[in-house]
N, C-alpha and C. Protein backbone atom coordinates (compact mmCIF):
# COMPACT_ATOMS: atom_id res chain seq x y z
N MET A 1 -34.15 0.74 -23.06
CA MET A 1 -34.36 2.00 -22.32
C MET A 1 -33.23 2.96 -22.65
N SER A 2 -33.54 4.16 -22.99
CA SER A 2 -32.53 5.14 -23.33
C SER A 2 -33.05 6.52 -23.05
N GLU A 3 -32.25 7.37 -22.45
CA GLU A 3 -32.63 8.74 -22.15
C GLU A 3 -31.96 9.66 -23.17
N PRO A 4 -32.72 10.42 -23.96
CA PRO A 4 -32.11 11.30 -24.98
C PRO A 4 -31.16 12.29 -24.33
N GLY A 5 -29.95 12.38 -24.90
CA GLY A 5 -29.00 13.36 -24.41
C GLY A 5 -28.23 12.94 -23.19
N CYS A 6 -28.56 11.78 -22.58
CA CYS A 6 -27.90 11.35 -21.35
C CYS A 6 -26.76 10.38 -21.62
N LEU A 7 -26.80 9.66 -22.77
CA LEU A 7 -25.81 8.63 -23.06
C LEU A 7 -25.00 9.04 -24.28
N PRO A 8 -23.75 8.55 -24.36
CA PRO A 8 -22.94 8.79 -25.56
C PRO A 8 -23.60 8.16 -26.78
N GLN A 9 -23.26 8.65 -27.93
CA GLN A 9 -23.85 8.14 -29.16
C GLN A 9 -23.49 6.68 -29.36
N GLY A 10 -24.48 5.87 -29.67
CA GLY A 10 -24.25 4.44 -29.88
C GLY A 10 -24.42 3.61 -28.63
N TRP A 11 -24.67 4.22 -27.48
CA TRP A 11 -24.85 3.48 -26.23
C TRP A 11 -26.33 3.38 -25.93
N SER A 12 -26.69 2.33 -25.22
CA SER A 12 -28.06 2.16 -24.78
C SER A 12 -28.06 1.40 -23.47
N LEU A 13 -29.10 1.56 -22.69
CA LEU A 13 -29.22 0.90 -21.39
C LEU A 13 -30.01 -0.39 -21.55
N PRO A 14 -29.55 -1.49 -20.94
CA PRO A 14 -30.32 -2.74 -21.01
C PRO A 14 -31.56 -2.64 -20.14
N ASP A 15 -32.59 -3.42 -20.50
CA ASP A 15 -33.82 -3.47 -19.71
C ASP A 15 -33.61 -4.41 -18.54
N GLY A 16 -33.34 -3.89 -17.39
CA GLY A 16 -33.09 -4.71 -16.21
C GLY A 16 -31.62 -4.90 -16.02
N GLY A 17 -31.24 -5.94 -15.29
CA GLY A 17 -29.84 -6.21 -15.04
C GLY A 17 -29.44 -5.80 -13.64
N PRO A 18 -28.20 -6.15 -13.23
CA PRO A 18 -27.76 -5.84 -11.87
C PRO A 18 -27.82 -4.37 -11.53
N TRP A 19 -27.51 -3.49 -12.54
CA TRP A 19 -27.52 -2.06 -12.24
C TRP A 19 -28.91 -1.60 -11.87
N LEU A 20 -29.98 -2.19 -12.53
CA LEU A 20 -31.35 -1.77 -12.26
C LEU A 20 -31.86 -2.37 -10.97
N ARG A 21 -31.49 -3.62 -10.73
CA ARG A 21 -31.96 -4.29 -9.51
C ARG A 21 -31.35 -3.67 -8.26
N SER A 22 -30.19 -2.99 -8.41
CA SER A 22 -29.53 -2.40 -7.24
C SER A 22 -30.17 -1.10 -6.81
N LEU A 23 -31.04 -0.52 -7.65
CA LEU A 23 -31.69 0.74 -7.30
C LEU A 23 -32.91 0.48 -6.42
N ARG A 24 -33.24 1.42 -5.57
CA ARG A 24 -34.40 1.31 -4.71
C ARG A 24 -35.37 2.44 -5.02
N VAL A 25 -36.64 2.13 -4.93
CA VAL A 25 -37.69 3.14 -5.05
C VAL A 25 -38.43 3.15 -3.72
N GLY A 26 -38.42 4.30 -3.01
CA GLY A 26 -38.99 4.33 -1.68
C GLY A 26 -38.12 3.56 -0.73
N SER A 27 -38.67 2.85 0.21
CA SER A 27 -37.89 2.13 1.20
C SER A 27 -38.07 0.63 1.11
N THR A 28 -39.09 0.16 0.37
CA THR A 28 -39.36 -1.27 0.37
C THR A 28 -39.36 -1.87 -1.02
N LYS A 29 -39.85 -1.14 -2.03
CA LYS A 29 -39.96 -1.70 -3.37
C LYS A 29 -38.66 -1.59 -4.12
N ARG A 30 -38.35 -2.60 -4.89
CA ARG A 30 -37.16 -2.55 -5.73
C ARG A 30 -37.54 -2.14 -7.14
N ALA A 31 -36.59 -1.50 -7.81
CA ALA A 31 -36.86 -1.03 -9.17
C ALA A 31 -37.14 -2.17 -10.13
N SER A 32 -36.64 -3.37 -9.83
CA SER A 32 -36.84 -4.49 -10.75
C SER A 32 -38.29 -4.91 -10.81
N THR A 33 -39.13 -4.50 -9.85
CA THR A 33 -40.54 -4.86 -9.88
C THR A 33 -41.35 -3.89 -10.72
N LEU A 34 -40.74 -2.81 -11.19
CA LEU A 34 -41.43 -1.79 -11.97
C LEU A 34 -40.94 -1.81 -13.40
N SER A 35 -41.70 -1.16 -14.26
CA SER A 35 -41.27 -1.00 -15.65
C SER A 35 -40.07 -0.07 -15.70
N PRO A 36 -39.07 -0.35 -16.54
CA PRO A 36 -37.91 0.56 -16.61
C PRO A 36 -38.28 1.99 -16.92
N ALA A 37 -39.35 2.18 -17.67
CA ALA A 37 -39.76 3.55 -18.02
C ALA A 37 -40.26 4.31 -16.80
N CYS A 38 -40.62 3.58 -15.73
CA CYS A 38 -41.16 4.23 -14.53
C CYS A 38 -40.07 4.57 -13.52
N VAL A 39 -38.86 4.13 -13.79
CA VAL A 39 -37.79 4.33 -12.83
C VAL A 39 -37.08 5.65 -13.11
N SER A 40 -36.98 6.48 -12.12
CA SER A 40 -36.26 7.74 -12.25
C SER A 40 -34.87 7.56 -11.69
N LEU A 41 -33.87 7.65 -12.54
CA LEU A 41 -32.50 7.39 -12.13
C LEU A 41 -31.83 8.68 -11.69
N CYS A 42 -31.10 8.60 -10.60
CA CYS A 42 -30.29 9.74 -10.20
C CYS A 42 -29.09 9.84 -11.14
N SER A 43 -28.41 10.95 -11.12
CA SER A 43 -27.32 11.18 -12.07
C SER A 43 -26.18 10.19 -11.89
N ASN A 44 -25.84 9.87 -10.63
CA ASN A 44 -24.73 8.92 -10.41
C ASN A 44 -25.08 7.54 -10.90
N ALA A 45 -26.32 7.09 -10.61
CA ALA A 45 -26.74 5.76 -11.06
C ALA A 45 -26.79 5.71 -12.58
N LEU A 46 -27.23 6.80 -13.21
CA LEU A 46 -27.30 6.83 -14.67
C LEU A 46 -25.92 6.73 -15.29
N ARG A 47 -24.94 7.44 -14.69
CA ARG A 47 -23.58 7.37 -15.22
C ARG A 47 -23.01 5.97 -15.07
N ARG A 48 -23.26 5.34 -13.90
CA ARG A 48 -22.77 3.96 -13.71
C ARG A 48 -23.42 3.02 -14.71
N ALA A 49 -24.72 3.19 -14.93
CA ALA A 49 -25.41 2.33 -15.89
C ALA A 49 -24.91 2.56 -17.30
N ALA A 50 -24.61 3.83 -17.63
CA ALA A 50 -24.10 4.14 -18.95
C ALA A 50 -22.75 3.49 -19.19
N ARG A 51 -21.87 3.54 -18.18
CA ARG A 51 -20.56 2.90 -18.33
C ARG A 51 -20.70 1.39 -18.48
N ALA A 52 -21.61 0.80 -17.69
CA ALA A 52 -21.81 -0.65 -17.79
C ALA A 52 -22.36 -1.02 -19.16
N ALA A 53 -23.30 -0.21 -19.67
CA ALA A 53 -23.86 -0.50 -21.00
C ALA A 53 -22.80 -0.33 -22.08
N GLY A 54 -21.93 0.67 -21.91
CA GLY A 54 -20.87 0.87 -22.90
C GLY A 54 -19.90 -0.28 -22.94
N ARG A 55 -19.54 -0.79 -21.75
CA ARG A 55 -18.63 -1.96 -21.72
C ARG A 55 -19.29 -3.17 -22.34
N ALA A 56 -20.59 -3.34 -22.10
CA ALA A 56 -21.29 -4.51 -22.64
C ALA A 56 -21.41 -4.43 -24.16
N SER A 57 -21.59 -3.22 -24.71
CA SER A 57 -21.76 -3.07 -26.16
C SER A 57 -20.44 -2.96 -26.90
N GLY A 58 -19.33 -2.80 -26.16
CA GLY A 58 -18.03 -2.69 -26.81
C GLY A 58 -17.72 -1.31 -27.34
N ALA A 59 -18.54 -0.32 -26.99
CA ALA A 59 -18.29 1.05 -27.46
C ALA A 59 -17.05 1.60 -26.79
N PRO A 60 -16.28 2.45 -27.48
CA PRO A 60 -15.06 3.01 -26.87
C PRO A 60 -15.39 3.90 -25.69
N ALA A 61 -14.61 3.76 -24.63
CA ALA A 61 -14.83 4.56 -23.43
C ALA A 61 -14.36 5.98 -23.64
N ARG A 62 -15.08 6.91 -23.04
CA ARG A 62 -14.68 8.31 -23.15
C ARG A 62 -13.50 8.58 -22.22
N PRO A 63 -12.51 9.31 -22.67
CA PRO A 63 -11.35 9.60 -21.81
C PRO A 63 -11.78 10.46 -20.62
N ARG A 64 -11.22 10.13 -19.44
CA ARG A 64 -11.55 10.87 -18.23
C ARG A 64 -10.50 11.93 -17.89
N CYS A 65 -9.48 12.03 -18.73
CA CYS A 65 -8.44 13.02 -18.46
C CYS A 65 -8.79 14.33 -19.15
N SER A 66 -8.19 15.38 -18.72
CA SER A 66 -8.42 16.69 -19.30
C SER A 66 -7.07 17.35 -19.54
N PRO A 67 -7.00 18.38 -20.37
CA PRO A 67 -5.72 19.07 -20.57
C PRO A 67 -5.14 19.62 -19.28
N GLN A 68 -6.04 20.05 -18.35
CA GLN A 68 -5.55 20.56 -17.08
C GLN A 68 -4.86 19.46 -16.28
N ASN A 69 -5.46 18.25 -16.25
CA ASN A 69 -4.84 17.14 -15.52
C ASN A 69 -3.54 16.72 -16.17
N THR A 70 -3.50 16.72 -17.50
CA THR A 70 -2.27 16.34 -18.21
C THR A 70 -1.13 17.30 -17.88
N ARG A 71 -1.43 18.61 -17.87
CA ARG A 71 -0.40 19.58 -17.53
C ARG A 71 0.03 19.44 -16.08
N ARG A 72 -0.93 19.14 -15.19
CA ARG A 72 -0.59 18.99 -13.78
C ARG A 72 0.33 17.80 -13.57
N ARG A 73 0.05 16.71 -14.28
CA ARG A 73 0.92 15.54 -14.15
C ARG A 73 2.32 15.84 -14.69
N ALA A 74 2.39 16.59 -15.77
CA ALA A 74 3.70 16.93 -16.35
C ALA A 74 4.50 17.81 -15.39
N GLU A 75 3.81 18.73 -14.70
CA GLU A 75 4.50 19.62 -13.77
C GLU A 75 5.02 18.87 -12.55
N ASN A 76 4.28 17.80 -12.14
CA ASN A 76 4.65 17.07 -10.93
C ASN A 76 5.51 15.84 -11.21
N THR A 77 6.02 15.70 -12.44
CA THR A 77 6.86 14.56 -12.78
C THR A 77 8.13 14.57 -11.93
N VAL A 78 8.43 13.42 -11.33
CA VAL A 78 9.60 13.30 -10.45
C VAL A 78 10.58 12.33 -11.09
N THR A 79 11.84 12.63 -10.99
CA THR A 79 12.88 11.76 -11.52
C THR A 79 13.66 11.10 -10.39
N LYS A 80 14.37 10.04 -10.73
CA LYS A 80 15.15 9.29 -9.75
C LYS A 80 16.39 8.77 -10.44
N THR A 81 17.50 8.73 -9.70
CA THR A 81 18.76 8.24 -10.24
C THR A 81 18.90 6.75 -9.95
N CYS A 82 19.13 5.98 -10.98
CA CYS A 82 19.30 4.53 -10.83
C CYS A 82 20.58 4.24 -10.06
N SER A 83 20.49 3.35 -9.08
CA SER A 83 21.67 3.02 -8.26
C SER A 83 22.69 2.19 -9.02
N HIS A 84 22.31 1.64 -10.19
CA HIS A 84 23.23 0.78 -10.94
C HIS A 84 23.90 1.54 -12.09
N CYS A 85 23.09 2.12 -12.98
CA CYS A 85 23.66 2.82 -14.14
C CYS A 85 23.90 4.30 -13.88
N GLN A 86 23.42 4.80 -12.73
CA GLN A 86 23.62 6.19 -12.32
C GLN A 86 23.02 7.19 -13.30
N GLN A 87 21.97 6.78 -14.03
CA GLN A 87 21.28 7.67 -14.94
C GLN A 87 19.99 8.17 -14.30
N GLU A 88 19.70 9.46 -14.50
CA GLU A 88 18.48 10.03 -13.96
C GLU A 88 17.33 9.77 -14.92
N LYS A 89 16.27 9.12 -14.41
CA LYS A 89 15.15 8.75 -15.25
C LYS A 89 13.84 9.07 -14.52
N GLU A 90 12.75 9.14 -15.31
CA GLU A 90 11.44 9.37 -14.72
C GLU A 90 10.99 8.14 -13.95
N LEU A 91 10.04 8.34 -13.02
CA LEU A 91 9.58 7.24 -12.17
C LEU A 91 8.88 6.15 -12.97
N THR A 92 8.38 6.48 -14.16
CA THR A 92 7.75 5.45 -15.00
C THR A 92 8.76 4.42 -15.48
N GLU A 93 10.06 4.73 -15.38
CA GLU A 93 11.12 3.81 -15.79
C GLU A 93 11.53 2.88 -14.64
N TYR A 94 10.79 2.91 -13.54
CA TYR A 94 11.11 2.07 -12.38
C TYR A 94 9.91 1.22 -12.01
N TYR A 95 10.18 0.02 -11.52
CA TYR A 95 9.11 -0.81 -10.99
C TYR A 95 8.65 -0.24 -9.65
N GLN A 96 7.35 -0.40 -9.36
CA GLN A 96 6.79 0.08 -8.11
C GLN A 96 6.54 -1.12 -7.19
N PHE A 97 7.01 -1.03 -5.95
CA PHE A 97 6.84 -2.09 -4.98
C PHE A 97 5.93 -1.62 -3.85
N TRP A 98 4.96 -2.44 -3.48
CA TRP A 98 4.01 -2.09 -2.43
C TRP A 98 4.56 -2.46 -1.06
N ASP A 99 4.57 -1.48 -0.15
CA ASP A 99 4.99 -1.70 1.22
C ASP A 99 3.74 -1.76 2.09
N LYS A 100 3.44 -2.95 2.65
CA LYS A 100 2.19 -3.10 3.40
C LYS A 100 2.20 -2.34 4.72
N TRP A 101 3.40 -2.05 5.27
CA TRP A 101 3.46 -1.33 6.54
C TRP A 101 3.26 0.16 6.30
N ALA A 102 3.90 0.69 5.29
CA ALA A 102 3.73 2.12 4.97
C ALA A 102 2.45 2.37 4.18
N GLU A 103 1.86 1.28 3.62
CA GLU A 103 0.64 1.38 2.83
C GLU A 103 0.80 2.35 1.66
N ARG A 104 1.88 2.20 0.96
CA ARG A 104 2.13 3.01 -0.23
C ARG A 104 3.13 2.29 -1.12
N LYS A 105 3.31 2.79 -2.33
CA LYS A 105 4.25 2.20 -3.26
C LYS A 105 5.56 2.97 -3.25
N PHE A 106 6.66 2.23 -3.45
CA PHE A 106 7.98 2.83 -3.53
C PHE A 106 8.64 2.38 -4.84
N PRO A 107 9.33 3.28 -5.53
CA PRO A 107 10.05 2.86 -6.73
C PRO A 107 11.28 2.05 -6.37
N SER A 108 11.62 1.11 -7.23
CA SER A 108 12.80 0.29 -6.98
C SER A 108 14.06 1.14 -7.09
N SER A 109 15.15 0.66 -6.54
CA SER A 109 16.41 1.42 -6.58
C SER A 109 17.07 1.34 -7.95
N ARG A 110 16.69 0.33 -8.74
CA ARG A 110 17.25 0.16 -10.08
C ARG A 110 16.16 0.40 -11.13
N CYS A 111 16.53 0.96 -12.25
CA CYS A 111 15.58 1.15 -13.35
C CYS A 111 15.20 -0.22 -13.92
N LYS A 112 14.21 -0.25 -14.78
CA LYS A 112 13.69 -1.52 -15.28
C LYS A 112 14.75 -2.34 -16.03
N PRO A 113 15.53 -1.75 -16.96
CA PRO A 113 16.57 -2.57 -17.63
C PRO A 113 17.60 -3.12 -16.65
N CYS A 114 18.05 -2.29 -15.70
CA CYS A 114 19.04 -2.76 -14.73
C CYS A 114 18.44 -3.79 -13.79
N HIS A 115 17.15 -3.63 -13.49
CA HIS A 115 16.49 -4.59 -12.61
C HIS A 115 16.41 -5.97 -13.29
N GLN A 116 16.16 -5.97 -14.60
CA GLN A 116 16.12 -7.25 -15.32
C GLN A 116 17.49 -7.92 -15.32
N LEU A 117 18.55 -7.12 -15.47
CA LEU A 117 19.90 -7.68 -15.39
C LEU A 117 20.18 -8.25 -14.00
N TYR A 118 19.72 -7.53 -12.97
CA TYR A 118 19.91 -8.01 -11.60
C TYR A 118 19.16 -9.32 -11.38
N ARG A 119 17.93 -9.41 -11.88
CA ARG A 119 17.16 -10.63 -11.71
C ARG A 119 17.80 -11.81 -12.43
N GLY A 120 18.42 -11.53 -13.58
CA GLY A 120 19.09 -12.62 -14.29
C GLY A 120 20.28 -13.15 -13.54
N ALA A 121 20.99 -12.28 -12.83
CA ALA A 121 22.16 -12.71 -12.08
C ALA A 121 21.81 -13.21 -10.68
N ASN A 122 20.60 -12.86 -10.18
CA ASN A 122 20.18 -13.27 -8.85
C ASN A 122 18.82 -13.95 -8.93
N PRO A 123 18.80 -15.28 -8.91
CA PRO A 123 17.51 -16.00 -9.02
C PRO A 123 16.52 -15.54 -7.96
N HIS A 124 15.23 -15.61 -8.33
CA HIS A 124 14.16 -15.14 -7.43
C HIS A 124 13.86 -16.21 -6.38
N ASN A 125 14.63 -16.19 -5.29
CA ASN A 125 14.36 -17.12 -4.20
C ASN A 125 14.18 -16.34 -2.90
N LYS A 126 13.83 -17.07 -1.84
CA LYS A 126 13.47 -16.42 -0.59
C LYS A 126 14.63 -15.63 0.00
N ARG A 127 15.85 -16.18 -0.07
CA ARG A 127 17.00 -15.50 0.52
C ARG A 127 17.29 -14.19 -0.23
N ASN A 128 17.24 -14.24 -1.55
CA ASN A 128 17.53 -13.03 -2.33
C ASN A 128 16.47 -11.96 -2.12
N ARG A 129 15.21 -12.37 -1.96
CA ARG A 129 14.15 -11.40 -1.69
C ARG A 129 14.38 -10.72 -0.35
N LYS A 130 14.78 -11.51 0.67
CA LYS A 130 15.06 -10.93 1.98
C LYS A 130 16.27 -10.02 1.92
N ALA A 131 17.31 -10.43 1.22
CA ALA A 131 18.52 -9.62 1.11
C ALA A 131 18.22 -8.29 0.42
N GLU A 132 17.40 -8.32 -0.62
CA GLU A 132 17.06 -7.09 -1.33
C GLU A 132 16.24 -6.16 -0.43
N LYS A 133 15.31 -6.72 0.34
CA LYS A 133 14.50 -5.91 1.24
C LYS A 133 15.36 -5.25 2.31
N LEU A 134 16.30 -6.01 2.90
CA LEU A 134 17.18 -5.45 3.93
C LEU A 134 18.05 -4.34 3.36
N LYS A 135 18.52 -4.53 2.13
CA LYS A 135 19.41 -3.54 1.52
C LYS A 135 18.65 -2.27 1.17
N LEU A 136 17.45 -2.41 0.61
CA LEU A 136 16.68 -1.26 0.18
C LEU A 136 16.14 -0.47 1.36
N ARG A 137 15.65 -1.18 2.39
CA ARG A 137 14.97 -0.50 3.49
C ARG A 137 15.93 -0.02 4.57
N TYR A 138 16.96 -0.82 4.88
CA TYR A 138 17.85 -0.48 5.99
C TYR A 138 19.30 -0.29 5.59
N GLY A 139 19.66 -0.58 4.34
CA GLY A 139 21.06 -0.52 3.94
C GLY A 139 21.89 -1.59 4.62
N LEU A 140 21.26 -2.72 4.95
CA LEU A 140 21.90 -3.79 5.73
C LEU A 140 22.14 -5.00 4.85
N ASP A 141 23.36 -5.53 4.91
CA ASP A 141 23.67 -6.74 4.16
C ASP A 141 23.05 -7.96 4.85
N HIS A 142 22.72 -8.96 4.04
CA HIS A 142 22.11 -10.18 4.58
C HIS A 142 23.05 -10.86 5.55
N GLU A 143 24.36 -10.89 5.24
CA GLU A 143 25.33 -11.54 6.12
C GLU A 143 25.41 -10.83 7.47
N ARG A 144 25.40 -9.48 7.43
CA ARG A 144 25.46 -8.73 8.69
C ARG A 144 24.20 -8.94 9.51
N TRP A 145 23.06 -9.03 8.86
CA TRP A 145 21.80 -9.32 9.56
C TRP A 145 21.85 -10.67 10.26
N GLN A 146 22.44 -11.66 9.59
CA GLN A 146 22.59 -12.98 10.21
C GLN A 146 23.53 -12.91 11.41
N GLU A 147 24.60 -12.13 11.30
CA GLU A 147 25.55 -12.00 12.41
C GLU A 147 24.90 -11.36 13.64
N ILE A 148 24.10 -10.32 13.42
CA ILE A 148 23.44 -9.65 14.55
C ILE A 148 22.50 -10.61 15.25
N ARG A 149 21.73 -11.36 14.51
CA ARG A 149 20.80 -12.32 15.12
C ARG A 149 21.55 -13.39 15.90
N GLN A 150 22.67 -13.86 15.33
CA GLN A 150 23.45 -14.89 16.01
C GLN A 150 24.08 -14.35 17.28
N GLU A 151 24.59 -13.11 17.25
CA GLU A 151 25.20 -12.51 18.44
C GLU A 151 24.18 -12.33 19.57
N GLN A 152 22.93 -12.12 19.23
CA GLN A 152 21.87 -11.94 20.22
C GLN A 152 21.14 -13.25 20.53
N ASN A 153 21.73 -14.37 20.11
CA ASN A 153 21.14 -15.68 20.36
C ASN A 153 19.71 -15.79 19.82
N TYR A 154 19.47 -15.10 18.70
CA TYR A 154 18.17 -15.13 18.03
C TYR A 154 17.02 -14.76 18.97
N SER A 155 17.29 -13.78 19.84
CA SER A 155 16.28 -13.35 20.81
C SER A 155 16.16 -11.82 20.78
N CYS A 156 14.98 -11.34 21.21
CA CYS A 156 14.72 -9.90 21.24
C CYS A 156 15.66 -9.23 22.24
N MET A 157 16.20 -8.09 21.85
CA MET A 157 17.16 -7.39 22.70
C MET A 157 16.49 -6.63 23.85
N ILE A 158 15.16 -6.63 23.92
CA ILE A 158 14.45 -5.98 25.04
C ILE A 158 13.81 -7.01 25.96
N CYS A 159 12.91 -7.82 25.41
CA CYS A 159 12.18 -8.77 26.27
C CYS A 159 12.80 -10.15 26.30
N GLY A 160 13.69 -10.46 25.37
CA GLY A 160 14.39 -11.73 25.39
C GLY A 160 13.67 -12.89 24.73
N VAL A 161 12.49 -12.68 24.15
CA VAL A 161 11.78 -13.78 23.50
C VAL A 161 12.56 -14.24 22.27
N THR A 162 12.56 -15.54 22.03
CA THR A 162 13.36 -16.11 20.95
C THR A 162 12.52 -16.25 19.67
N GLU A 163 13.24 -16.38 18.56
CA GLU A 163 12.56 -16.59 17.29
C GLU A 163 11.81 -17.91 17.28
N GLU A 164 12.34 -18.91 17.98
CA GLU A 164 11.67 -20.21 18.05
C GLU A 164 10.32 -20.08 18.74
N ALA A 165 10.27 -19.28 19.83
CA ALA A 165 9.01 -19.08 20.54
C ALA A 165 8.03 -18.24 19.70
N LEU A 166 8.57 -17.28 18.95
CA LEU A 166 7.71 -16.43 18.12
C LEU A 166 7.19 -17.16 16.90
N GLY A 167 7.99 -18.08 16.38
CA GLY A 167 7.61 -18.75 15.14
C GLY A 167 7.87 -17.91 13.91
N ARG A 168 8.73 -16.89 14.04
CA ARG A 168 9.06 -16.01 12.92
C ARG A 168 10.38 -15.32 13.20
N LYS A 169 10.94 -14.65 12.20
CA LYS A 169 12.18 -13.92 12.36
C LYS A 169 11.93 -12.62 13.12
N LEU A 170 12.97 -12.15 13.83
CA LEU A 170 12.89 -10.89 14.55
C LEU A 170 12.90 -9.71 13.57
N ASP A 171 12.31 -8.59 14.00
CA ASP A 171 12.30 -7.38 13.18
C ASP A 171 13.62 -6.63 13.32
N VAL A 172 13.99 -5.91 12.28
CA VAL A 172 15.14 -5.03 12.33
C VAL A 172 14.69 -3.69 12.90
N ASP A 173 15.31 -3.25 13.98
CA ASP A 173 14.97 -1.96 14.58
C ASP A 173 15.98 -0.92 14.09
N HIS A 174 15.46 0.22 13.63
CA HIS A 174 16.34 1.28 13.12
C HIS A 174 15.81 2.64 13.56
N CYS A 175 16.69 3.62 13.57
CA CYS A 175 16.32 4.99 13.91
C CYS A 175 15.65 5.63 12.71
N HIS A 176 14.44 6.17 12.91
CA HIS A 176 13.70 6.77 11.80
C HIS A 176 14.28 8.12 11.39
N THR A 177 15.14 8.69 12.23
CA THR A 177 15.76 9.98 11.90
C THR A 177 17.06 9.80 11.12
N SER A 178 17.96 8.98 11.67
CA SER A 178 19.26 8.78 11.03
C SER A 178 19.31 7.56 10.13
N GLY A 179 18.38 6.61 10.32
CA GLY A 179 18.38 5.39 9.52
C GLY A 179 19.35 4.33 10.02
N VAL A 180 20.02 4.57 11.15
CA VAL A 180 21.00 3.63 11.68
C VAL A 180 20.29 2.41 12.27
N VAL A 181 20.78 1.22 11.95
CA VAL A 181 20.23 -0.02 12.50
C VAL A 181 20.71 -0.17 13.94
N ARG A 182 19.76 -0.38 14.88
CA ARG A 182 20.11 -0.47 16.29
C ARG A 182 20.13 -1.90 16.81
N GLY A 183 19.43 -2.80 16.17
CA GLY A 183 19.42 -4.18 16.64
C GLY A 183 18.24 -4.93 16.07
N VAL A 184 17.91 -6.04 16.74
CA VAL A 184 16.77 -6.87 16.34
C VAL A 184 15.81 -6.99 17.51
N LEU A 185 14.53 -6.83 17.23
CA LEU A 185 13.50 -6.86 18.26
C LEU A 185 12.32 -7.68 17.78
N CYS A 186 11.53 -8.14 18.74
CA CYS A 186 10.26 -8.76 18.38
C CYS A 186 9.31 -7.65 17.93
N ASN A 187 8.26 -8.02 17.24
CA ASN A 187 7.35 -7.02 16.70
C ASN A 187 6.67 -6.17 17.78
N PRO A 188 6.20 -6.75 18.91
CA PRO A 188 5.60 -5.90 19.95
C PRO A 188 6.56 -4.86 20.51
N CYS A 189 7.81 -5.24 20.80
CA CYS A 189 8.77 -4.29 21.35
C CYS A 189 9.13 -3.22 20.32
N ASN A 190 9.26 -3.63 19.07
CA ASN A 190 9.55 -2.66 18.02
C ASN A 190 8.40 -1.68 17.84
N THR A 191 7.17 -2.17 18.00
CA THR A 191 6.00 -1.31 17.88
C THR A 191 5.93 -0.31 19.04
N VAL A 192 6.31 -0.77 20.25
CA VAL A 192 6.32 0.14 21.41
C VAL A 192 7.26 1.31 21.16
N LEU A 193 8.44 1.04 20.65
CA LEU A 193 9.39 2.12 20.36
C LEU A 193 8.84 3.08 19.31
N GLY A 194 8.17 2.51 18.32
CA GLY A 194 7.60 3.36 17.28
C GLY A 194 6.51 4.27 17.81
N HIS A 195 5.62 3.71 18.66
CA HIS A 195 4.55 4.52 19.23
C HIS A 195 5.09 5.57 20.21
N ALA A 196 6.22 5.27 20.86
CA ALA A 196 6.84 6.25 21.76
C ALA A 196 7.69 7.26 21.00
N ARG A 197 7.73 7.12 19.66
CA ARG A 197 8.49 8.04 18.80
C ARG A 197 9.97 8.05 19.15
N ASP A 198 10.47 6.92 19.62
CA ASP A 198 11.89 6.75 19.96
C ASP A 198 12.37 7.73 21.03
N LYS A 199 11.46 8.22 21.86
CA LYS A 199 11.82 9.18 22.91
C LYS A 199 12.02 8.45 24.23
N VAL A 200 13.24 8.57 24.78
CA VAL A 200 13.57 7.89 26.03
C VAL A 200 12.70 8.39 27.17
N GLU A 201 12.42 9.71 27.22
CA GLU A 201 11.63 10.27 28.31
C GLU A 201 10.22 9.71 28.32
N VAL A 202 9.67 9.43 27.13
CA VAL A 202 8.32 8.85 27.07
C VAL A 202 8.32 7.43 27.63
N LEU A 203 9.33 6.65 27.28
CA LEU A 203 9.42 5.28 27.78
C LEU A 203 9.68 5.26 29.29
N GLU A 204 10.52 6.18 29.78
CA GLU A 204 10.76 6.24 31.22
C GLU A 204 9.49 6.65 31.96
N ALA A 205 8.72 7.58 31.40
CA ALA A 205 7.46 7.99 32.02
C ALA A 205 6.47 6.83 32.03
N ALA A 206 6.47 6.04 30.96
CA ALA A 206 5.58 4.88 30.91
C ALA A 206 5.96 3.85 31.97
N ALA A 207 7.29 3.63 32.18
CA ALA A 207 7.73 2.69 33.21
C ALA A 207 7.35 3.18 34.61
N GLU A 208 7.52 4.47 34.86
CA GLU A 208 7.15 5.04 36.15
C GLU A 208 5.64 4.95 36.37
N TYR A 209 4.89 5.16 35.31
CA TYR A 209 3.43 5.05 35.40
C TYR A 209 3.01 3.65 35.81
N LEU A 210 3.64 2.63 35.24
CA LEU A 210 3.30 1.25 35.59
C LEU A 210 3.67 0.94 37.04
N ARG A 211 4.81 1.46 37.50
CA ARG A 211 5.20 1.22 38.89
C ARG A 211 4.23 1.87 39.88
N LYS A 212 3.75 3.05 39.59
CA LYS A 212 2.89 3.79 40.51
C LYS A 212 1.45 3.30 40.48
N ASN A 213 0.99 2.85 39.33
CA ASN A 213 -0.43 2.53 39.18
C ASN A 213 -0.70 1.06 38.90
N SER A 214 0.26 0.18 39.22
CA SER A 214 0.05 -1.23 38.99
C SER A 214 -1.09 -1.79 39.85
N GLY A 215 -1.33 -1.18 41.02
CA GLY A 215 -2.42 -1.64 41.89
C GLY A 215 -3.73 -0.95 41.62
N GLY A 216 -3.78 -0.06 40.67
CA GLY A 216 -5.00 0.67 40.35
C GLY A 216 -4.76 2.17 40.41
N TYR A 217 -5.75 2.92 39.98
CA TYR A 217 -5.63 4.37 39.95
C TYR A 217 -5.59 4.94 41.36
N LYS A 218 -4.66 5.89 41.59
CA LYS A 218 -4.55 6.55 42.90
C LYS A 218 -4.65 8.07 42.67
N SER A 219 -5.58 8.68 43.37
CA SER A 219 -5.77 10.11 43.22
C SER A 219 -4.74 10.88 44.03
């Protein structure tokens, strides 16, 4: 099956296959029950089928970039200074790390060559991974993090729940404005502060609300 002028040169559509079976004609009949010549493909389905046929035939894929996109990427290129060699380099010279809480990628503090040197001097183990995360995210040394937890008896500084009861390590609480580390909290207490936007008046209003309405709504 092939539509003149719809596919790149050298490409052809297979007769049937998952792309054809996924199309619907009307509300009940499937396209796989009809002759391929009888199926009218929408433009999006045709493009998807063309790409699938191209991959199956080994034909070279058409580039999806344009000169406008290339210029736009060049204009928006961002550089970063490596914390180790102090050289300013493009972001492509840095490894990208995924932060599941922020749901985005962040470039490493060291460029790729310096990062390889760091990995050679610091084996990839659990302690080193935690130390690197604390340093990059909070500017906190692993030893200082251990001291804070020990001083607080490994318990949340608000509700008092222990790490043993939680079954996990406490979160590091920090100010989102200044970046200063304030202590260690359990995840629920740390989340409450985040949702209150670190505003004392909001938390005080929430406490007053609970005192007044603990027995139910009062008009």
